[in-house]
Amino acid sequence: MNDLHEVRRIMAPADPCPPGTFDGAAHDPAGRAAYARITAATDRRTAPSRRMTFRLVAAGGVAGALVAGAVVATGGGGPSHPAPAQASETQQVLNVAATFALKKPFTAPRPGQWVYTETRFRRSGVPGRGQVIKPGSPLKTQVDRTWVRADGKVMALYDQGKLVTSATGGAAAMPPTDYATISKLPTDPDGMLAWFSKQKTPNQGNEGAFQMLGSLLLNNGALPPAQTAAAYRAMAKIPGVTVDRTAKDATGHKAISVSFLIEGWAKDEILLDPSTYAYRGHRTTVAQDHTLPDGGRFLKGAVESYSVLVAAGVVDRPGLRP
């Protein structure tokens, strides 16, 4: 425990999320200086044990320990050096997801290439008058396979077994789905939220921001790492967003759920891989009974819809898959 307290004391001045990076205190001057002190110290009365130092390095250095929310996340300090505020679990998880996104290999599509996205949806449909969607109600399955040219002007999909192309509407789509547009989106969380606030969407405020960011992740097969990270960190700034590390996806596999309650009754979730923090899909469930204006009803526990991102990548022409 003495080792733990000493690491906290030494690392307290470090900024776990220094401006311009998502990689933790390893990119913060105070963090680098503290790491040097930890690893170079030889006096056991003023430095962590060799075992503690090894644990930090094994976790990916000081940056890994910070990102994982371990050791230094709680901070510590005396009256003249107050402890830094502890990040919430939601902020920790989404900042880790941002860090993983930035480390993921990425090659931007060249002009003339196409971005392929394959998503499997299951939906209950909207209940009409007198109809009730309840837990266990059948879901209709649909698989969407789309190709969007990198410039955003043309898309392709299969219609009754035939591959057809059409204009996309360009940057007018919301959220945008073409690389030319999304590559110019803000790369910082505040900028991402400010960008959303300027869009003319039916649902504004925190609900709209969460849904927009989730849709941005869902519908883009080549979302650049910087914009992906900004989307995650923007979510961490939205009041009401919660995290469940013990969730499961639609196939029963472990997942991390990042959720927001929409209109007081629909729990909208973004599902992340618990190991890589990669985006897996979404799920919307009924958190409490809800009656639609035309009399149709959703009962608590019912699944309204969910999706699974099957494949995504860059190809040379429509019809090909990565």
C-alpha atoms as a PDB file:
ATOM      1  CA  MET A   1       0.000   0.000   0.000  1.00  0.00           C
ATOM      2  CA  ASN A   2       2.917   2.384   0.689  1.00  0.00           C
ATOM      3  CA  ASP A   3       4.035   1.814  -2.908  1.00  0.00           C
ATOM      4  CA  LEU A   4       0.569   2.618  -4.191  1.00  0.00           C
ATOM      5  CA  HIS A   5       0.324   5.847  -2.223  1.00  0.00           C
ATOM      6  CA  GLU A   6       3.798   6.896  -3.371  1.00  0.00           C
ATOM      7  CA  VAL A   7       2.904   6.353  -7.045  1.00  0.00           C
ATOM      8  CA  ARG A   8      -0.241   8.396  -6.550  1.00  0.00           C
ATOM      9  CA  ARG A   9       1.761  11.187  -4.912  1.00  0.00           C
ATOM     10  CA  ILE A  10       4.359  11.276  -7.663  1.00  0.00           C
ATOM     11  CA  MET A  11       1.804  11.094 -10.470  1.00  0.00           C
ATOM     12  CA  ALA A  12      -0.713  13.575  -9.024  1.00  0.00           C
ATOM     13  CA  PRO A  13       0.486  16.552 -11.149  1.00  0.00           C
ATOM     14  CA  ALA A  14       0.202  14.591 -14.408  1.00  0.00           C
ATOM     15  CA  ASP A  15      -2.639  15.337 -16.785  1.00  0.00           C
ATOM     16  CA  PRO A  16      -4.252  12.002 -17.843  1.00  0.00           C
ATOM     17  CA  CYS A  17      -5.749  13.610 -20.948  1.00  0.00           C
ATOM     18  CA  PRO A  18      -3.331  16.353 -22.050  1.00  0.00           C
ATOM     19  CA  PRO A  19      -4.563  18.620 -24.865  1.00  0.00           C
ATOM     20  CA  GLY A  20      -3.914  17.306 -28.347  1.00  0.00           C
ATOM     21  CA  THR A  21      -3.659  13.641 -27.430  1.00  0.00           C
ATOM     22  CA  PHE A  22      -5.730  10.805 -26.066  1.00  0.00           C
ATOM     23  CA  ASP A  23      -2.712   8.774 -25.030  1.00  0.00           C
ATOM     24  CA  GLY A  24      -2.576   9.696 -21.381  1.00  0.00           C
ATOM     25  CA  ALA A  25       0.098  11.156 -19.170  1.00  0.00           C
ATOM     26  CA  ALA A  26       2.949   9.690 -21.191  1.00  0.00           C
ATOM     27  CA  HIS A  27       2.456  12.723 -23.464  1.00  0.00           C
ATOM     28  CA  ASP A  28       2.198  15.171 -20.571  1.00  0.00           C
ATOM     29  CA  PRO A  29       5.477  16.779 -19.378  1.00  0.00           C
ATOM     30  CA  ALA A  30       4.579  16.220 -15.728  1.00  0.00           C
ATOM     31  CA  GLY A  31       3.691  12.622 -16.524  1.00  0.00           C
ATOM     32  CA  ARG A  32       6.997  11.955 -18.273  1.00  0.00           C
ATOM     33  CA  ALA A  33       8.947  13.537 -15.429  1.00  0.00           C
ATOM     34  CA  ALA A  34       7.034  11.488 -12.866  1.00  0.00           C
ATOM     35  CA  TYR A  35       7.614   8.287 -14.821  1.00  0.00           C
ATOM     36  CA  ALA A  36      11.349   9.041 -14.882  1.00  0.00           C
ATOM     37  CA  ARG A  37      11.310   9.512 -11.129  1.00  0.00           C
ATOM     38  CA  ILE A  38       9.444   6.247 -10.596  1.00  0.00           C
ATOM     39  CA  THR A  39      11.722   4.133 -12.768  1.00  0.00           C
ATOM     40  CA  ALA A  40      15.017   5.784 -11.778  1.00  0.00           C
ATOM     41  CA  ALA A  41      14.503   5.912  -8.023  1.00  0.00           C
ATOM     42  CA  THR A  42      16.551   3.486  -5.949  1.00  0.00           C
ATOM     43  CA  ASP A  43      15.611   4.475  -2.401  1.00  0.00           C
ATOM     44  CA  ARG A  44      12.786   2.154  -1.321  1.00  0.00           C
ATOM     45  CA  ARG A  45      11.593   4.762   1.160  1.00  0.00           C
ATOM     46  CA  THR A  46      10.782   7.268  -1.599  1.00  0.00           C
ATOM     47  CA  ALA A  47      10.025   5.102  -4.651  1.00  0.00           C
ATOM     48  CA  PRO A  48       7.750   2.198  -5.587  1.00  0.00           C
ATOM     49  CA  SER A  49       9.079  -1.323  -5.369  1.00  0.00           C
ATOM     50  CA  ARG A  50      10.474  -3.092  -8.428  1.00  0.00           C
ATOM     51  CA  ARG A  51       7.288  -5.142  -8.509  1.00  0.00           C
ATOM     52  CA  MET A  52       5.093  -2.022  -8.621  1.00  0.00           C
ATOM     53  CA  THR A  53       7.250  -0.482 -11.364  1.00  0.00           C
ATOM     54  CA  PHE A  54       6.965  -3.671 -13.408  1.00  0.00           C
ATOM     55  CA  ARG A  55       3.174  -3.626 -13.054  1.00  0.00           C
ATOM     56  CA  LEU A  56       3.083  -0.104 -14.502  1.00  0.00           C
ATOM     57  CA  VAL A  57       5.318  -0.998 -17.430  1.00  0.00           C
ATOM     58  CA  ALA A  58       3.417  -4.221 -18.127  1.00  0.00           C
ATOM     59  CA  ALA A  59       0.197  -2.224 -18.392  1.00  0.00           C
ATOM     60  CA  GLY A  60       1.660  -0.151 -21.198  1.00  0.00           C
ATOM     61  CA  GLY A  61       3.746   2.262 -19.160  1.00  0.00           C
ATOM     62  CA  VAL A  62       2.328   5.184 -17.277  1.00  0.00           C
ATOM     63  CA  ALA A  63      -0.104   5.881 -20.117  1.00  0.00           C
ATOM     64  CA  GLY A  64      -1.531   2.368 -19.872  1.00  0.00           C
ATOM     65  CA  ALA A  65      -2.000   2.648 -16.127  1.00  0.00           C
ATOM     66  CA  LEU A  66      -3.770   5.965 -16.500  1.00  0.00           C
ATOM     67  CA  VAL A  67      -6.002   4.878 -19.347  1.00  0.00           C
ATOM     68  CA  ALA A  68      -7.048   1.719 -17.547  1.00  0.00           C
ATOM     69  CA  GLY A  69      -8.205   3.809 -14.600  1.00  0.00           C
ATOM     70  CA  ALA A  70      -5.678   2.089 -12.339  1.00  0.00           C
ATOM     71  CA  VAL A  71      -3.388   3.405  -9.622  1.00  0.00           C
ATOM     72  CA  VAL A  72      -3.272   7.083 -10.496  1.00  0.00           C
ATOM     73  CA  ALA A  73      -6.895   7.561 -11.513  1.00  0.00           C
ATOM     74  CA  THR A  74      -7.924   8.284  -7.938  1.00  0.00           C
ATOM     75  CA  GLY A  75      -5.149  10.827  -7.430  1.00  0.00           C
ATOM     76  CA  GLY A  76      -4.030  12.120  -4.064  1.00  0.00           C
ATOM     77  CA  GLY A  77      -2.574  15.187  -2.452  1.00  0.00           C
ATOM     78  CA  GLY A  78      -2.269  17.254   0.677  1.00  0.00           C
ATOM     79  CA  PRO A  79      -4.118  20.452   1.567  1.00  0.00           C
ATOM     80  CA  SER A  80      -1.772  22.576  -0.560  1.00  0.00           C
ATOM     81  CA  HIS A  81      -2.031  20.133  -3.490  1.00  0.00           C
ATOM     82  CA  PRO A  82      -5.673  19.036  -3.848  1.00  0.00           C
ATOM     83  CA  ALA A  83      -6.266  15.729  -5.632  1.00  0.00           C
ATOM     84  CA  PRO A  84      -7.447  15.976  -9.260  1.00  0.00           C
ATOM     85  CA  ALA A  85     -11.095  15.162  -9.842  1.00  0.00           C
ATOM     86  CA  GLN A  86     -11.668  11.482 -10.464  1.00  0.00           C
ATOM     87  CA  ALA A  87     -13.148  10.646 -13.839  1.00  0.00           C
ATOM     88  CA  SER A  88     -16.497   8.876 -13.826  1.00  0.00           C
ATOM     89  CA  GLU A  89     -16.734   5.314 -15.062  1.00  0.00           C
ATOM     90  CA  THR A  90     -18.425   6.565 -18.232  1.00  0.00           C
ATOM     91  CA  GLN A  91     -15.568   8.992 -18.909  1.00  0.00           C
ATOM     92  CA  GLN A  92     -12.963   6.308 -18.203  1.00  0.00           C
ATOM     93  CA  VAL A  93     -14.542   3.785 -20.576  1.00  0.00           C
ATOM     94  CA  LEU A  94     -15.098   6.263 -23.402  1.00  0.00           C
ATOM     95  CA  ASN A  95     -11.612   7.745 -23.064  1.00  0.00           C
ATOM     96  CA  VAL A  96     -10.183   4.230 -23.304  1.00  0.00           C
ATOM     97  CA  ALA A  97     -12.330   3.611 -26.393  1.00  0.00           C
ATOM     98  CA  ALA A  98     -10.937   6.838 -27.874  1.00  0.00           C
ATOM     99  CA  THR A  99      -7.363   5.751 -27.153  1.00  0.00           C
ATOM    100  CA  PHE A 100      -7.919   2.376 -28.808  1.00  0.00           C
ATOM    101  CA  ALA A 101      -9.477   4.099 -31.827  1.00  0.00           C
ATOM    102  CA  LEU A 102      -6.414   6.292 -32.277  1.00  0.00           C
ATOM    103  CA  LYS A 103      -4.099   3.291 -32.162  1.00  0.00           C
ATOM    104  CA  LYS A 104      -6.055   1.308 -34.751  1.00  0.00           C
ATOM    105  CA  PRO A 105      -4.316   1.053 -38.148  1.00  0.00           C
ATOM    106  CA  PHE A 106      -6.093   3.138 -40.771  1.00  0.00           C
ATOM    107  CA  THR A 107      -5.583   3.830 -44.458  1.00  0.00           C
ATOM    108  CA  ALA A 108      -7.727   6.529 -46.010  1.00  0.00           C
ATOM    109  CA  PRO A 109      -9.552   5.611 -49.205  1.00  0.00           C
ATOM    110  CA  ARG A 110      -8.045   6.980 -52.398  1.00  0.00           C
ATOM    111  CA  PRO A 111     -10.125   9.049 -54.820  1.00  0.00           C
ATOM    112  CA  GLY A 112     -12.309   6.693 -56.804  1.00  0.00           C
ATOM    113  CA  GLN A 113     -12.328   3.985 -54.131  1.00  0.00           C
ATOM    114  CA  TRP A 114     -15.474   2.904 -52.293  1.00  0.00           C
ATOM    115  CA  VAL A 115     -16.273   2.390 -48.614  1.00  0.00           C
ATOM    116  CA  TYR A 116     -18.206  -0.810 -47.920  1.00  0.00           C
ATOM    117  CA  THR A 117     -20.426  -1.307 -44.862  1.00  0.00           C
ATOM    118  CA  GLU A 118     -22.424  -4.426 -44.030  1.00  0.00           C
ATOM    119  CA  THR A 119     -24.856  -4.267 -41.116  1.00  0.00           C
ATOM    120  CA  ARG A 120     -27.377  -6.831 -39.888  1.00  0.00           C
ATOM    121  CA  PHE A 121     -30.510  -5.274 -38.405  1.00  0.00           C
ATOM    122  CA  ARG A 122     -33.319  -6.885 -36.430  1.00  0.00           C
ATOM    123  CA  ARG A 123     -36.407  -4.755 -35.793  1.00  0.00           C
ATOM    124  CA  SER A 124     -39.788  -5.184 -34.173  1.00  0.00           C
ATOM    125  CA  GLY A 125     -41.478  -2.620 -36.372  1.00  0.00           C
ATOM    126  CA  VAL A 126     -43.819   0.094 -35.130  1.00  0.00           C
ATOM    127  CA  PRO A 127     -46.998  -1.237 -33.488  1.00  0.00           C
ATOM    128  CA  GLY A 128     -50.254   0.068 -34.956  1.00  0.00           C
ATOM    129  CA  ARG A 129     -53.487   0.699 -33.093  1.00  0.00           C
ATOM    130  CA  GLY A 130     -54.262  -2.227 -30.818  1.00  0.00           C
ATOM    131  CA  GLN A 131     -50.886  -3.885 -31.444  1.00  0.00           C
ATOM    132  CA  VAL A 132     -48.435  -4.607 -28.639  1.00  0.00           C
ATOM    133  CA  ILE A 133     -44.689  -5.195 -28.865  1.00  0.00           C
ATOM    134  CA  LYS A 134     -43.626  -7.176 -25.787  1.00  0.00           C
ATOM    135  CA  PRO A 135     -40.579  -9.156 -24.658  1.00  0.00           C
ATOM    136  CA  GLY A 136     -40.124 -12.074 -27.030  1.00  0.00           C
ATOM    137  CA  SER A 137     -42.062 -10.495 -29.898  1.00  0.00           C
ATOM    138  CA  PRO A 138     -40.682 -11.630 -33.276  1.00  0.00           C
ATOM    139  CA  LEU A 139     -38.103  -9.434 -34.966  1.00  0.00           C
ATOM    140  CA  LYS A 140     -37.642  -8.991 -38.684  1.00  0.00           C
ATOM    141  CA  THR A 141     -34.091  -9.390 -40.004  1.00  0.00           C
ATOM    142  CA  GLN A 142     -32.571  -7.221 -42.694  1.00  0.00           C
ATOM    143  CA  VAL A 143     -28.982  -7.096 -43.941  1.00  0.00           C
ATOM    144  CA  ASP A 144     -27.823  -3.804 -45.443  1.00  0.00           C
ATOM    145  CA  ARG A 145     -24.822  -3.841 -47.780  1.00  0.00           C
ATOM    146  CA  THR A 146     -23.822  -0.462 -49.137  1.00  0.00           C
ATOM    147  CA  TRP A 147     -20.907   1.037 -51.054  1.00  0.00           C
ATOM    148  CA  VAL A 148     -20.300   4.793 -50.915  1.00  0.00           C
ATOM    149  CA  ARG A 149     -17.716   6.379 -53.190  1.00  0.00           C
ATOM    150  CA  ALA A 150     -15.037   8.252 -51.281  1.00  0.00           C
ATOM    151  CA  ASP A 151     -16.149  11.608 -52.676  1.00  0.00           C
ATOM    152  CA  GLY A 152     -19.626  10.984 -51.315  1.00  0.00           C
ATOM    153  CA  LYS A 153     -21.448  11.619 -54.569  1.00  0.00           C
ATOM    154  CA  VAL A 154     -22.427   8.064 -55.541  1.00  0.00           C
ATOM    155  CA  MET A 155     -23.604   5.021 -53.607  1.00  0.00           C
ATOM    156  CA  ALA A 156     -24.389   1.468 -54.634  1.00  0.00           C
ATOM    157  CA  LEU A 157     -26.535  -1.305 -53.180  1.00  0.00           C
ATOM    158  CA  TYR A 158     -28.376  -4.423 -54.207  1.00  0.00           C
ATOM    159  CA  ASP A 159     -32.004  -4.020 -55.233  1.00  0.00           C
ATOM    160  CA  GLN A 160     -33.814  -7.302 -55.860  1.00  0.00           C
ATOM    161  CA  GLY A 161     -30.517  -9.023 -56.512  1.00  0.00           C
ATOM    162  CA  LYS A 162     -29.185  -6.344 -58.874  1.00  0.00           C
ATOM    163  CA  LEU A 163     -26.377  -3.941 -57.971  1.00  0.00           C
ATOM    164  CA  VAL A 164     -27.579  -0.411 -58.681  1.00  0.00           C
ATOM    165  CA  THR A 165     -25.967   2.992 -58.196  1.00  0.00           C
ATOM    166  CA  SER A 166     -27.536   6.324 -57.384  1.00  0.00           C
ATOM    167  CA  ALA A 167     -26.660   9.826 -56.228  1.00  0.00           C
ATOM    168  CA  THR A 168     -26.276  10.213 -52.470  1.00  0.00           C
ATOM    169  CA  GLY A 169     -27.107  13.845 -51.932  1.00  0.00           C
ATOM    170  CA  GLY A 170     -23.504  14.436 -50.916  1.00  0.00           C
ATOM    171  CA  ALA A 171     -22.752  16.229 -47.677  1.00  0.00           C
ATOM    172  CA  ALA A 172     -26.458  16.919 -47.110  1.00  0.00           C
ATOM    173  CA  ALA A 173     -26.867  13.465 -45.543  1.00  0.00           C
ATOM    174  CA  MET A 174     -27.078  13.587 -41.759  1.00  0.00           C
ATOM    175  CA  PRO A 175     -25.032  12.218 -40.274  1.00  0.00           C
ATOM    176  CA  PRO A 176     -22.677  12.204 -43.263  1.00  0.00           C
ATOM    177  CA  THR A 177     -21.646   8.788 -44.556  1.00  0.00           C
ATOM    178  CA  ASP A 178     -18.942   9.687 -47.056  1.00  0.00           C
ATOM    179  CA  TYR A 179     -15.237   9.915 -46.351  1.00  0.00           C
ATOM    180  CA  ALA A 180     -14.836  13.310 -48.025  1.00  0.00           C
ATOM    181  CA  THR A 181     -17.190  14.855 -45.465  1.00  0.00           C
ATOM    182  CA  ILE A 182     -16.458  12.881 -42.305  1.00  0.00           C
ATOM    183  CA  SER A 183     -12.709  13.374 -42.687  1.00  0.00           C
ATOM    184  CA  LYS A 184     -13.330  17.106 -42.204  1.00  0.00           C
ATOM    185  CA  LEU A 185     -15.397  16.754 -39.031  1.00  0.00           C
ATOM    186  CA  PRO A 186     -13.905  18.121 -35.785  1.00  0.00           C
ATOM    187  CA  THR A 187     -11.254  16.020 -34.083  1.00  0.00           C
ATOM    188  CA  ASP A 188     -11.914  17.257 -30.545  1.00  0.00           C
ATOM    189  CA  PRO A 189     -14.982  16.462 -28.398  1.00  0.00           C
ATOM    190  CA  ASP A 190     -16.110  20.055 -27.867  1.00  0.00           C
ATOM    191  CA  GLY A 191     -15.797  20.725 -31.572  1.00  0.00           C
ATOM    192  CA  MET A 192     -17.793  17.592 -32.367  1.00  0.00           C
ATOM    193  CA  LEU A 193     -20.625  18.662 -30.040  1.00  0.00           C
ATOM    194  CA  ALA A 194     -20.552  22.200 -31.446  1.00  0.00           C
ATOM    195  CA  TRP A 195     -20.779  20.772 -34.972  1.00  0.00           C
ATOM    196  CA  PHE A 196     -23.859  18.768 -34.005  1.00  0.00           C
ATOM    197  CA  SER A 197     -25.554  21.757 -32.384  1.00  0.00           C
ATOM    198  CA  LYS A 198     -25.429  23.560 -35.741  1.00  0.00           C
ATOM    199  CA  GLN A 199     -27.226  20.770 -37.610  1.00  0.00           C
ATOM    200  CA  LYS A 200     -30.929  20.952 -38.357  1.00  0.00           C
ATOM    201  CA  THR A 201     -32.135  17.669 -36.889  1.00  0.00           C
ATOM    202  CA  PRO A 202     -35.547  16.745 -35.443  1.00  0.00           C
ATOM    203  CA  ASN A 203     -34.053  15.812 -32.086  1.00  0.00           C
ATOM    204  CA  GLN A 204     -31.660  18.305 -30.499  1.00  0.00           C
ATOM    205  CA  GLY A 205     -30.181  18.495 -27.013  1.00  0.00           C
ATOM    206  CA  ASN A 206     -28.421  15.638 -25.250  1.00  0.00           C
ATOM    207  CA  GLU A 207     -30.680  12.958 -26.730  1.00  0.00           C
ATOM    208  CA  GLY A 208     -30.055  14.132 -30.254  1.00  0.00           C
ATOM    209  CA  ALA A 209     -26.312  14.435 -29.705  1.00  0.00           C
ATOM    210  CA  PHE A 210     -26.055  10.870 -28.401  1.00  0.00           C
ATOM    211  CA  GLN A 211     -28.131   9.470 -31.253  1.00  0.00           C
ATOM    212  CA  MET A 212     -26.199  11.437 -33.864  1.00  0.00           C
ATOM    213  CA  LEU A 213     -22.838  10.257 -32.557  1.00  0.00           C
ATOM    214  CA  GLY A 214     -24.078   6.665 -32.405  1.00  0.00           C
ATOM    215  CA  SER A 215     -25.344   6.883 -35.964  1.00  0.00           C
ATOM    216  CA  LEU A 216     -22.010   8.339 -37.062  1.00  0.00           C
ATOM    217  CA  LEU A 217     -20.270   5.221 -35.690  1.00  0.00           C
ATOM    218  CA  LEU A 218     -22.870   2.853 -37.145  1.00  0.00           C
ATOM    219  CA  ASN A 219     -23.045   4.164 -40.689  1.00  0.00           C
ATOM    220  CA  ASN A 220     -19.406   4.785 -41.541  1.00  0.00           C
ATOM    221  CA  GLY A 221     -17.152   1.996 -42.684  1.00  0.00           C
ATOM    222  CA  ALA A 222     -14.090   4.262 -42.804  1.00  0.00           C
ATOM    223  CA  LEU A 223     -14.515   6.789 -40.008  1.00  0.00           C
ATOM    224  CA  PRO A 224     -10.992   8.184 -39.406  1.00  0.00           C
ATOM    225  CA  PRO A 225      -9.415   7.438 -36.007  1.00  0.00           C
ATOM    226  CA  ALA A 226      -9.330  11.102 -34.963  1.00  0.00           C
ATOM    227  CA  GLN A 227     -13.062  11.564 -35.600  1.00  0.00           C
ATOM    228  CA  THR A 228     -13.882   8.212 -33.996  1.00  0.00           C
ATOM    229  CA  ALA A 229     -11.998   9.208 -30.867  1.00  0.00           C
ATOM    230  CA  ALA A 230     -13.673  12.625 -30.834  1.00  0.00           C
ATOM    231  CA  ALA A 231     -17.095  10.971 -31.054  1.00  0.00           C
ATOM    232  CA  TYR A 232     -16.365   8.766 -28.034  1.00  0.00           C
ATOM    233  CA  ARG A 233     -14.971  11.623 -25.976  1.00  0.00           C
ATOM    234  CA  ALA A 234     -17.927  13.814 -26.966  1.00  0.00           C
ATOM    235  CA  MET A 235     -20.274  11.140 -25.632  1.00  0.00           C
ATOM    236  CA  ALA A 236     -18.378  11.234 -22.345  1.00  0.00           C
ATOM    237  CA  LYS A 237     -19.356  14.904 -22.020  1.00  0.00           C
ATOM    238  CA  ILE A 238     -23.104  14.304 -22.455  1.00  0.00           C
ATOM    239  CA  PRO A 239     -24.943  14.289 -19.100  1.00  0.00           C
ATOM    240  CA  GLY A 240     -27.001  11.130 -18.616  1.00  0.00           C
ATOM    241  CA  VAL A 241     -24.794   8.760 -20.606  1.00  0.00           C
ATOM    242  CA  THR A 242     -24.138   5.584 -18.603  1.00  0.00           C
ATOM    243  CA  VAL A 243     -21.910   2.532 -18.986  1.00  0.00           C
ATOM    244  CA  ASP A 244     -22.497  -1.149 -18.197  1.00  0.00           C
ATOM    245  CA  ARG A 245     -19.370  -3.315 -18.355  1.00  0.00           C
ATOM    246  CA  THR A 246     -21.378  -6.512 -17.728  1.00  0.00           C
ATOM    247  CA  ALA A 247     -23.705  -6.256 -20.736  1.00  0.00           C
ATOM    248  CA  LYS A 248     -24.135  -8.812 -23.509  1.00  0.00           C
ATOM    249  CA  ASP A 249     -24.799  -8.234 -27.177  1.00  0.00           C
ATOM    250  CA  ALA A 250     -27.588  -9.762 -29.228  1.00  0.00           C
ATOM    251  CA  THR A 251     -25.582 -12.965 -29.718  1.00  0.00           C
ATOM    252  CA  GLY A 252     -24.976 -13.440 -25.997  1.00  0.00           C
ATOM    253  CA  HIS A 253     -21.323 -12.385 -26.063  1.00  0.00           C
ATOM    254  CA  LYS A 254     -19.911 -10.017 -23.459  1.00  0.00           C
ATOM    255  CA  ALA A 255     -20.026  -6.366 -24.430  1.00  0.00           C
ATOM    256  CA  ILE A 256     -19.691  -2.895 -22.979  1.00  0.00           C
ATOM    257  CA  SER A 257     -22.927  -0.946 -23.187  1.00  0.00           C
ATOM    258  CA  VAL A 258     -22.893   2.836 -23.492  1.00  0.00           C
ATOM    259  CA  SER A 259     -26.472   4.033 -23.199  1.00  0.00           C
ATOM    260  CA  PHE A 260     -28.845   6.982 -22.983  1.00  0.00           C
ATOM    261  CA  LEU A 261     -32.551   7.047 -22.166  1.00  0.00           C
ATOM    262  CA  ILE A 262     -34.494   8.499 -25.094  1.00  0.00           C
ATOM    263  CA  GLU A 263     -37.806  10.280 -24.418  1.00  0.00           C
ATOM    264  CA  GLY A 264     -37.918   8.650 -21.001  1.00  0.00           C
ATOM    265  CA  TRP A 265     -38.781   5.149 -22.254  1.00  0.00           C
ATOM    266  CA  ALA A 266     -36.331   3.853 -24.899  1.00  0.00           C
ATOM    267  CA  LYS A 267     -32.871   2.760 -23.799  1.00  0.00           C
ATOM    268  CA  ASP A 268     -30.525   3.445 -26.716  1.00  0.00           C
ATOM    269  CA  GLU A 269     -27.251   1.519 -26.455  1.00  0.00           C
ATOM    270  CA  ILE A 270     -23.951   1.506 -28.288  1.00  0.00           C
ATOM    271  CA  LEU A 271     -22.200  -1.837 -27.857  1.00  0.00           C
ATOM    272  CA  LEU A 272     -18.412  -2.045 -27.723  1.00  0.00           C
ATOM    273  CA  ASP A 273     -16.055  -5.008 -27.728  1.00  0.00           C
ATOM    274  CA  PRO A 274     -14.820  -5.513 -24.132  1.00  0.00           C
ATOM    275  CA  SER A 275     -11.254  -6.251 -25.281  1.00  0.00           C
ATOM    276  CA  THR A 276     -10.636  -3.902 -28.205  1.00  0.00           C
ATOM    277  CA  TYR A 277     -13.361  -1.308 -27.515  1.00  0.00           C
ATOM    278  CA  ALA A 278     -14.261  -1.507 -31.193  1.00  0.00           C
ATOM    279  CA  TYR A 279     -17.806  -0.597 -32.195  1.00  0.00           C
ATOM    280  CA  ARG A 280     -20.013  -3.710 -32.520  1.00  0.00           C
ATOM    281  CA  GLY A 281     -23.478  -2.330 -33.068  1.00  0.00           C
ATOM    282  CA  HIS A 282     -26.467  -0.821 -31.317  1.00  0.00           C
ATOM    283  CA  ARG A 283     -29.555  -1.922 -29.418  1.00  0.00           C
ATOM    284  CA  THR A 284     -32.749  -0.136 -28.411  1.00  0.00           C
ATOM    285  CA  THR A 285     -34.880  -1.701 -25.690  1.00  0.00           C
ATOM    286  CA  VAL A 286     -38.017  -0.550 -23.897  1.00  0.00           C
ATOM    287  CA  ALA A 287     -37.159   0.700 -20.398  1.00  0.00           C
ATOM    288  CA  GLN A 288     -40.785   1.265 -19.413  1.00  0.00           C
ATOM    289  CA  ASP A 289     -44.213   0.696 -20.955  1.00  0.00           C
ATOM    290  CA  HIS A 290     -44.987   3.239 -23.643  1.00  0.00           C
ATOM    291  CA  THR A 291     -48.087   3.993 -25.689  1.00  0.00           C
ATOM    292  CA  LEU A 292     -47.728   5.670 -29.079  1.00  0.00           C
ATOM    293  CA  PRO A 293     -50.106   8.451 -30.185  1.00  0.00           C
ATOM    294  CA  ASP A 294     -52.027   6.059 -32.456  1.00  0.00           C
ATOM    295  CA  GLY A 295     -52.560   3.519 -29.662  1.00  0.00           C
ATOM    296  CA  GLY A 296     -49.787   1.035 -30.401  1.00  0.00           C
ATOM    297  CA  ARG A 297     -47.863  -0.087 -27.315  1.00  0.00           C
ATOM    298  CA  PHE A 298     -44.361  -1.112 -26.341  1.00  0.00           C
ATOM    299  CA  LEU A 299     -44.022  -3.096 -23.121  1.00  0.00           C
ATOM    300  CA  LYS A 300     -41.046  -2.909 -20.795  1.00  0.00           C
ATOM    301  CA  GLY A 301     -38.288  -5.339 -21.742  1.00  0.00           C
ATOM    302  CA  ALA A 302     -39.167  -5.542 -25.429  1.00  0.00           C
ATOM    303  CA  VAL A 303     -36.460  -5.098 -28.041  1.00  0.00           C
ATOM    304  CA  GLU A 304     -37.293  -2.348 -30.527  1.00  0.00           C
ATOM    305  CA  SER A 305     -34.228  -2.940 -32.684  1.00  0.00           C
ATOM    306  CA  TYR A 306     -30.606  -3.946 -32.704  1.00  0.00           C
ATOM    307  CA  SER A 307     -27.816  -4.031 -35.214  1.00  0.00           C
ATOM    308  CA  VAL A 308     -24.509  -5.820 -35.653  1.00  0.00           C
ATOM    309  CA  LEU A 309     -21.686  -4.351 -37.716  1.00  0.00           C
ATOM    310  CA  VAL A 310     -20.680  -7.361 -39.831  1.00  0.00           C
ATOM    311  CA  ALA A 311     -17.958  -5.896 -42.036  1.00  0.00           C
ATOM    312  CA  ALA A 312     -16.499  -2.587 -43.133  1.00  0.00           C
ATOM    313  CA  GLY A 313     -13.594  -1.480 -45.287  1.00  0.00           C
ATOM    314  CA  VAL A 314     -12.339   0.089 -48.482  1.00  0.00           C
ATOM    315  CA  VAL A 315     -12.652  -1.575 -51.906  1.00  0.00           C
ATOM    316  CA  ASP A 316     -11.855  -0.572 -55.484  1.00  0.00           C
ATOM    317  CA  ARG A 317     -15.359  -0.843 -56.901  1.00  0.00           C
ATOM    318  CA  PRO A 318     -18.936  -1.568 -55.802  1.00  0.00           C
ATOM    319  CA  GLY A 319     -19.777  -5.233 -55.488  1.00  0.00           C
ATOM    320  CA  LEU A 320     -16.430  -6.103 -53.897  1.00  0.00           C
ATOM    321  CA  ARG A 321     -16.064  -6.833 -50.188  1.00  0.00           C
ATOM    322  CA  PRO A 322     -13.016  -6.213 -47.995  1.00  0.00           C
END
